Amino acid sequence: MRNRNHQITVEDEDGVEHVLPTRKEVCDACRGEGKRALGGHAFTSSEWAEACEGDDEFQENYMSGRYDSTCEVCAGLRVVDVVDEDACRKDLLEIYFDDMRAEAEDRRCAAYERRMGC
């Protein structure tokens, strides 16, 4: 599966690449804001208390958006392309879901390897 030039494609068993129909959806990463603070880092309440302890300037700067940067997922567009499942051929949708499951498994394995020190 590839996401190229705002096109999501899959390759069938014969090696033929198919462009899947898409629709726009609000970006989950930035919740449609187009920007994220500190690269999307979320503070726990204890981390926030520690980060702000005796540093009112950091808290003010953070809350005012000083540390915000363009969302790396939607490139600031606030929306992303997602597969329009209702408009997609069933056989291609199956390939797409298989690809998504394989990519998720690869990410899980990579995360496990990082935790193990690899």
C-alpha atoms as a PDB file:
ATOM      1  CA  MET A   1       0.000   0.000   0.000  1.00  0.00           C
ATOM      2  CA  ARG A   2       1.279   3.442  -0.877  1.00  0.00           C
ATOM      3  CA  ASN A   3       0.064   6.944  -0.190  1.00  0.00           C
ATOM      4  CA  ARG A   4       1.569   8.994  -2.993  1.00  0.00           C
ATOM      5  CA  ASN A   5       0.413  12.360  -4.277  1.00  0.00           C
ATOM      6  CA  HIS A   6      -2.712  12.054  -2.129  1.00  0.00           C
ATOM      7  CA  GLN A   7      -3.466   8.688  -3.740  1.00  0.00           C
ATOM      8  CA  ILE A   8      -3.752   5.479  -1.800  1.00  0.00           C
ATOM      9  CA  THR A   9      -2.804   2.501  -3.911  1.00  0.00           C
ATOM     10  CA  VAL A  10      -2.604  -1.270  -3.511  1.00  0.00           C
ATOM     11  CA  GLU A  11      -1.004  -3.924  -5.639  1.00  0.00           C
ATOM     12  CA  ASP A  12      -3.031  -7.004  -6.577  1.00  0.00           C
ATOM     13  CA  GLU A  13      -1.678 -10.548  -6.828  1.00  0.00           C
ATOM     14  CA  ASP A  14      -0.715  -9.946 -10.475  1.00  0.00           C
ATOM     15  CA  GLY A  15       1.384  -6.914  -9.538  1.00  0.00           C
ATOM     16  CA  VAL A  16      -1.106  -4.421 -10.977  1.00  0.00           C
ATOM     17  CA  GLU A  17      -1.332  -1.216  -8.963  1.00  0.00           C
ATOM     18  CA  HIS A  18      -4.829   0.139  -8.260  1.00  0.00           C
ATOM     19  CA  VAL A  19      -5.724   3.624  -7.035  1.00  0.00           C
ATOM     20  CA  LEU A  20      -8.341   3.400  -4.298  1.00  0.00           C
ATOM     21  CA  PRO A  21     -11.178   5.925  -3.971  1.00  0.00           C
ATOM     22  CA  THR A  22     -10.625   8.323  -1.094  1.00  0.00           C
ATOM     23  CA  ARG A  23     -12.445  10.908   0.955  1.00  0.00           C
ATOM     24  CA  LYS A  24     -11.220  13.643   3.276  1.00  0.00           C
ATOM     25  CA  GLU A  25     -11.306  13.178   7.035  1.00  0.00           C
ATOM     26  CA  VAL A  26     -10.208  15.406   9.911  1.00  0.00           C
ATOM     27  CA  CYS A  27      -6.617  14.587  10.889  1.00  0.00           C
ATOM     28  CA  ASP A  28      -6.543  12.496  14.070  1.00  0.00           C
ATOM     29  CA  ALA A  29      -3.010  13.559  14.947  1.00  0.00           C
ATOM     30  CA  CYS A  30      -3.756  17.282  15.303  1.00  0.00           C
ATOM     31  CA  ARG A  31      -7.562  17.017  15.633  1.00  0.00           C
ATOM     32  CA  GLY A  32      -7.989  19.352  12.693  1.00  0.00           C
ATOM     33  CA  GLU A  33      -5.808  22.132  14.108  1.00  0.00           C
ATOM     34  CA  GLY A  34      -3.007  21.772  11.544  1.00  0.00           C
ATOM     35  CA  LYS A  35      -0.365  22.126  14.245  1.00  0.00           C
ATOM     36  CA  ARG A  36       0.847  20.269  17.296  1.00  0.00           C
ATOM     37  CA  ALA A  37       2.769  21.331  20.375  1.00  0.00           C
ATOM     38  CA  LEU A  38       6.192  19.775  20.841  1.00  0.00           C
ATOM     39  CA  GLY A  39       5.670  17.314  17.996  1.00  0.00           C
ATOM     40  CA  GLY A  40       2.522  15.915  19.557  1.00  0.00           C
ATOM     41  CA  HIS A  41       4.049  15.093  22.937  1.00  0.00           C
ATOM     42  CA  ALA A  42       1.312  14.750  25.531  1.00  0.00           C
ATOM     43  CA  PHE A  43       2.090  15.479  29.151  1.00  0.00           C
ATOM     44  CA  THR A  44       0.825  13.390  32.032  1.00  0.00           C
ATOM     45  CA  SER A  45      -0.333  15.489  34.966  1.00  0.00           C
ATOM     46  CA  SER A  46       2.863  14.665  36.889  1.00  0.00           C
ATOM     47  CA  GLU A  47       5.052  15.557  33.858  1.00  0.00           C
ATOM     48  CA  TRP A  48       3.152  18.828  33.457  1.00  0.00           C
ATOM     49  CA  ALA A  49       3.620  19.671  37.137  1.00  0.00           C
ATOM     50  CA  GLU A  50       7.338  18.890  36.871  1.00  0.00           C
ATOM     51  CA  ALA A  51       7.812  20.826  33.620  1.00  0.00           C
ATOM     52  CA  CYS A  52       6.016  23.877  34.983  1.00  0.00           C
ATOM     53  CA  GLU A  53       7.419  23.760  38.512  1.00  0.00           C
ATOM     54  CA  GLY A  54       8.857  27.190  39.131  1.00  0.00           C
ATOM     55  CA  ASP A  55       8.714  27.980  35.400  1.00  0.00           C
ATOM     56  CA  ASP A  56       5.661  30.075  34.697  1.00  0.00           C
ATOM     57  CA  GLU A  57       7.248  31.207  31.435  1.00  0.00           C
ATOM     58  CA  PHE A  58       7.275  27.661  30.020  1.00  0.00           C
ATOM     59  CA  GLN A  59       3.621  27.184  30.946  1.00  0.00           C
ATOM     60  CA  GLU A  60       2.616  30.503  29.398  1.00  0.00           C
ATOM     61  CA  ASN A  61       4.621  29.816  26.228  1.00  0.00           C
ATOM     62  CA  TYR A  62       3.197  26.306  25.895  1.00  0.00           C
ATOM     63  CA  MET A  63      -0.395  27.421  26.406  1.00  0.00           C
ATOM     64  CA  SER A  64       0.006  30.342  23.966  1.00  0.00           C
ATOM     65  CA  GLY A  65       1.199  27.997  21.195  1.00  0.00           C
ATOM     66  CA  ARG A  66       4.814  29.130  21.105  1.00  0.00           C
ATOM     67  CA  TYR A  67       6.042  25.527  20.806  1.00  0.00           C
ATOM     68  CA  ASP A  68       3.511  24.528  18.146  1.00  0.00           C
ATOM     69  CA  SER A  69       4.752  23.233  14.818  1.00  0.00           C
ATOM     70  CA  THR A  70       3.045  22.098  11.642  1.00  0.00           C
ATOM     71  CA  CYS A  71       1.425  18.684  12.010  1.00  0.00           C
ATOM     72  CA  GLU A  72       3.669  16.112  10.337  1.00  0.00           C
ATOM     73  CA  VAL A  73       0.711  13.877   9.442  1.00  0.00           C
ATOM     74  CA  CYS A  74      -1.472  16.334   7.508  1.00  0.00           C
ATOM     75  CA  ALA A  75       1.264  18.913   6.743  1.00  0.00           C
ATOM     76  CA  GLY A  76      -0.949  21.588   8.263  1.00  0.00           C
ATOM     77  CA  LEU A  77      -3.887  20.909   5.940  1.00  0.00           C
ATOM     78  CA  ARG A  78      -6.064  19.748   8.880  1.00  0.00           C
ATOM     79  CA  VAL A  79      -7.493  16.875   6.795  1.00  0.00           C
ATOM     80  CA  VAL A  80      -6.092  13.623   5.434  1.00  0.00           C
ATOM     81  CA  ASP A  81      -7.124  11.239   2.669  1.00  0.00           C
ATOM     82  CA  VAL A  82      -8.654   7.968   3.822  1.00  0.00           C
ATOM     83  CA  VAL A  83      -9.989   5.074   1.778  1.00  0.00           C
ATOM     84  CA  ASP A  84     -13.664   5.503   0.941  1.00  0.00           C
ATOM     85  CA  GLU A  85     -14.735   1.986   1.852  1.00  0.00           C
ATOM     86  CA  ASP A  86     -18.233   2.436   0.435  1.00  0.00           C
ATOM     87  CA  ALA A  87     -16.882   3.343  -3.009  1.00  0.00           C
ATOM     88  CA  CYS A  88     -14.067   0.766  -3.066  1.00  0.00           C
ATOM     89  CA  ARG A  89     -14.206  -2.604  -4.835  1.00  0.00           C
ATOM     90  CA  LYS A  90     -14.448  -5.387  -2.251  1.00  0.00           C
ATOM     91  CA  ASP A  91     -11.437  -7.327  -3.564  1.00  0.00           C
ATOM     92  CA  LEU A  92      -9.242  -4.228  -3.421  1.00  0.00           C
ATOM     93  CA  LEU A  93     -10.551  -3.356   0.027  1.00  0.00           C
ATOM     94  CA  GLU A  94      -9.491  -6.809   1.243  1.00  0.00           C
ATOM     95  CA  ILE A  95      -5.973  -6.231  -0.115  1.00  0.00           C
ATOM     96  CA  TYR A  96      -5.911  -2.811   1.569  1.00  0.00           C
ATOM     97  CA  PHE A  97      -6.934  -4.262   4.949  1.00  0.00           C
ATOM     98  CA  ASP A  98      -4.382  -7.071   4.603  1.00  0.00           C
ATOM     99  CA  ASP A  99      -1.694  -4.458   3.908  1.00  0.00           C
ATOM    100  CA  MET A 100      -2.823  -2.392   6.906  1.00  0.00           C
ATOM    101  CA  ARG A 101      -2.652  -5.445   9.192  1.00  0.00           C
ATOM    102  CA  ALA A 102       0.836  -6.312   7.907  1.00  0.00           C
ATOM    103  CA  GLU A 103       2.054  -2.747   8.479  1.00  0.00           C
ATOM    104  CA  ALA A 104       0.615  -2.739  12.009  1.00  0.00           C
ATOM    105  CA  GLU A 105       2.357  -6.036  12.750  1.00  0.00           C
ATOM    106  CA  ASP A 106       5.650  -4.615  11.421  1.00  0.00           C
ATOM    107  CA  ARG A 107       5.266  -1.588  13.726  1.00  0.00           C
ATOM    108  CA  ARG A 108       4.511  -3.862  16.707  1.00  0.00           C
ATOM    109  CA  CYS A 109       7.590  -5.968  15.979  1.00  0.00           C
ATOM    110  CA  ALA A 110       9.804  -2.894  15.581  1.00  0.00           C
ATOM    111  CA  ALA A 111       8.500  -1.450  18.872  1.00  0.00           C
ATOM    112  CA  TYR A 112       9.153  -4.766  20.624  1.00  0.00           C
ATOM    113  CA  GLU A 113      12.691  -4.892  19.230  1.00  0.00           C
ATOM    114  CA  ARG A 114      13.342  -1.316  20.422  1.00  0.00           C
ATOM    115  CA  ARG A 115      12.149  -2.249  23.914  1.00  0.00           C
ATOM    116  CA  MET A 116      14.488  -5.232  23.875  1.00  0.00           C
ATOM    117  CA  GLY A 117      17.414  -2.978  22.939  1.00  0.00           C
ATOM    118  CA  CYS A 118      17.793  -3.939  19.298  1.00  0.00           C
END
